[in-house]
Amino acid sequence: MKLTSRGELALKATIELAKVELEGGPGLSAAEIARRCRASLKFLEQVLNQLRGGGYVISTRGRLGGYRLARASEEIFIGEISRLIDGPLAPAPCASVTQHRTCDWCVSEAECDLKTVWVEVRDAIAHVMDSISLAELVRNSARVASDRYAI
C-alpha cells in the first residue's frame, strides 16, 4: 500500500509509534517510521513536524532517541489526527463545526436541501473517528493478524 495523503501518513506513523509504545520499546527514528510506512523520508518529516506542532509526537536526539507519542495511545483518537492534518471532517463547508461557511454552490444555506445530509454524514464520521484510539487500532490489528494465522 502506498500512502498518498498527509492524513493517511500521519495516521500510519502515529499507529507505528503506538505499537512501539504498547510494546515498551524506544522511540523510532524518522527513517524507521518512513520504512514501516513505505513513505519518503522527506514527506514523512513534514508530517512529523505537523504532528509535533500539534502536540501529538515528541522527539529526542541521541542513540536512544527518536519519535514517540506525546500522550498515551489510549488518549489519542484518530479524529484528532485527521483534523490536525486534513482539517474538518465535514463533507461540505456548511456542515463544519470549526470552519463553517456557506457552500459556494448554494444560493441560500437556509434553503439547502443537502445541508441536513452533510450534517448527518459529519456527525457519523466524527462519531466513529472520535471513538477509536490509536491503542485500540493497534490491539485490533494484532487480533486480526493472529486470527489470520490460526490453524
Protein backbone atom coordinates (compact mmCIF):
# COMPACT_ATOMS: atom_id res chain seq x y z
CA MET A 1 0.00 0.00 0.00
CA LYS A 2 1.38 3.40 -0.94
CA LEU A 3 0.30 6.26 1.28
CA THR A 4 -0.87 9.16 -0.83
CA SER A 5 -2.05 11.84 1.58
CA ARG A 6 -0.67 13.62 4.61
CA GLY A 7 -3.61 12.39 6.67
CA GLU A 8 -3.01 8.74 5.77
CA LEU A 9 0.69 9.06 6.54
CA ALA A 10 0.03 10.85 9.84
CA LEU A 11 -2.35 8.11 10.96
CA LYS A 12 0.00 5.32 9.89
CA ALA A 13 3.01 6.99 11.55
CA THR A 14 1.16 7.51 14.84
CA ILE A 15 -0.06 3.89 14.71
CA GLU A 16 3.55 2.74 14.33
CA LEU A 17 4.51 4.89 17.32
CA ALA A 18 1.59 3.44 19.30
CA LYS A 19 2.81 -0.10 18.50
CA VAL A 20 6.23 0.73 19.91
CA GLU A 21 4.69 2.39 22.98
CA LEU A 22 2.50 -0.61 23.74
CA GLU A 23 5.49 -2.96 23.33
CA GLY A 24 7.53 -0.78 25.70
CA GLY A 25 10.15 -0.06 23.06
CA PRO A 26 12.27 3.03 22.48
CA GLY A 27 11.37 5.84 20.11
CA LEU A 28 11.55 5.33 16.37
CA SER A 29 13.77 7.29 14.01
CA ALA A 30 12.13 9.15 11.18
CA ALA A 31 13.90 6.81 8.76
CA GLU A 32 12.43 3.76 10.50
CA ILE A 33 8.93 5.24 10.51
CA ALA A 34 9.29 6.05 6.80
CA ARG A 35 10.40 2.47 6.11
CA ARG A 36 7.49 0.99 8.05
CA CYS A 37 5.02 3.32 6.34
CA ARG A 38 6.57 2.91 2.88
CA ALA A 39 6.81 6.67 2.54
CA SER A 40 9.54 9.06 1.53
CA LEU A 41 11.55 10.42 4.43
CA LYS A 42 11.14 13.99 3.21
CA PHE A 43 7.33 13.69 3.08
CA LEU A 44 7.24 11.97 6.48
CA GLU A 45 9.37 14.68 8.09
CA GLN A 46 6.84 17.31 7.01
CA VAL A 47 4.03 15.28 8.58
CA LEU A 48 6.05 14.66 11.77
CA ASN A 49 6.62 18.42 12.07
CA GLN A 50 2.85 18.97 11.91
CA LEU A 51 2.26 16.24 14.49
CA ARG A 52 4.93 17.72 16.76
CA GLY A 53 3.44 21.20 16.37
CA GLY A 54 0.02 19.79 17.26
CA GLY A 55 1.40 18.19 20.40
CA TYR A 56 0.96 14.56 19.29
CA VAL A 57 4.60 13.49 18.99
CA ILE A 58 7.84 14.41 20.69
CA SER A 59 11.36 13.77 19.50
CA THR A 60 14.63 13.32 21.31
CA ARG A 61 18.12 13.24 19.89
CA GLY A 62 20.76 10.67 20.52
CA ARG A 63 21.39 6.98 20.27
CA LEU A 64 18.28 6.10 22.27
CA GLY A 65 16.25 8.97 20.87
CA GLY A 66 13.65 9.11 18.17
CA TYR A 67 9.98 9.95 17.89
CA ARG A 68 7.42 8.94 20.49
CA LEU A 69 3.81 9.81 21.16
CA ALA A 70 3.43 12.85 23.39
CA ARG A 71 0.47 11.26 25.21
CA ALA A 72 -0.62 7.71 25.87
CA SER A 73 -2.01 5.99 22.78
CA GLU A 74 -5.25 5.38 24.71
CA GLU A 75 -5.73 9.15 24.85
CA ILE A 76 -5.19 9.96 21.17
CA PHE A 77 -8.13 9.43 18.83
CA ILE A 78 -7.88 9.18 15.07
CA GLY A 79 -10.32 12.05 14.60
CA GLU A 80 -7.85 14.39 16.32
CA ILE A 81 -5.01 13.41 14.00
CA SER A 82 -7.24 13.65 10.93
CA ARG A 83 -8.47 17.14 11.85
CA LEU A 84 -4.94 18.37 12.55
CA ILE A 85 -3.59 17.23 9.20
CA ASP A 86 -6.59 17.34 6.84
CA GLY A 87 -8.90 19.85 8.52
CA PRO A 88 -12.60 19.41 9.25
CA LEU A 89 -14.28 16.02 8.91
CA ALA A 90 -17.38 17.55 7.32
CA PRO A 91 -18.00 16.69 3.65
CA ALA A 92 -19.16 20.25 2.92
CA PRO A 93 -18.19 23.61 4.45
CA CYS A 94 -21.73 24.34 5.65
CA ALA A 95 -21.59 21.27 7.92
CA SER A 96 -18.26 22.06 9.53
CA VAL A 97 -18.27 22.83 13.23
CA THR A 98 -14.88 24.55 13.33
CA GLN A 99 -14.64 26.12 9.85
CA HIS A 100 -18.27 26.69 8.93
CA ARG A 101 -19.04 28.75 5.83
CA THR A 102 -21.74 28.77 3.21
CA CYS A 103 -21.03 26.46 0.29
CA ASP A 104 -20.08 28.13 -2.98
CA TRP A 105 -22.79 26.23 -4.84
CA CYS A 106 -25.69 27.23 -2.54
CA VAL A 107 -27.82 30.30 -3.08
CA SER A 108 -29.09 30.14 0.49
CA GLU A 109 -27.90 27.87 3.27
CA ALA A 110 -31.33 28.05 4.92
CA GLU A 111 -32.94 26.64 1.76
CA CYS A 112 -30.28 23.99 1.01
CA ASP A 113 -31.80 20.55 0.56
CA LEU A 114 -28.50 18.80 1.27
CA LYS A 115 -27.31 20.52 4.45
CA THR A 116 -29.09 18.08 6.76
CA VAL A 117 -27.43 15.20 4.91
CA TRP A 118 -23.98 16.81 5.20
CA VAL A 119 -24.51 17.35 8.94
CA GLU A 120 -25.57 13.72 9.44
CA VAL A 121 -22.54 12.50 7.47
CA ARG A 122 -20.23 14.75 9.51
CA ASP A 123 -21.73 13.51 12.77
CA ALA A 124 -21.41 9.85 11.72
CA ILE A 125 -17.78 10.29 10.65
CA ALA A 126 -16.94 12.20 13.83
CA HIS A 127 -18.64 9.59 16.00
CA VAL A 128 -16.52 6.79 14.53
CA MET A 129 -13.22 8.67 14.30
CA ASP A 130 -13.53 10.23 17.74
CA SER A 131 -14.26 6.90 19.41
CA ILE A 132 -11.25 4.91 18.15
CA SER A 133 -7.94 5.46 19.92
CA LEU A 134 -4.54 4.62 18.48
CA ALA A 135 -4.20 1.91 21.14
CA GLU A 136 -7.48 0.35 20.07
CA LEU A 137 -6.36 0.31 16.43
CA VAL A 138 -3.13 -1.44 17.38
CA ARG A 139 -4.93 -4.04 19.50
CA ASN A 140 -7.50 -4.68 16.74
CA SER A 141 -4.75 -5.02 14.15
CA ALA A 142 -2.87 -7.52 16.31
CA ARG A 143 -6.05 -9.52 16.90
CA VAL A 144 -6.85 -9.64 13.16
CA ALA A 145 -3.27 -10.67 12.37
CA SER A 146 -3.39 -13.50 14.93
CA ASP A 147 -6.77 -14.67 13.56
CA ARG A 148 -5.28 -14.90 10.05
CA TYR A 149 -2.66 -17.38 11.16
CA ALA A 150 -4.83 -19.60 13.34
CA ILE A 151 -4.96 -23.21 12.18
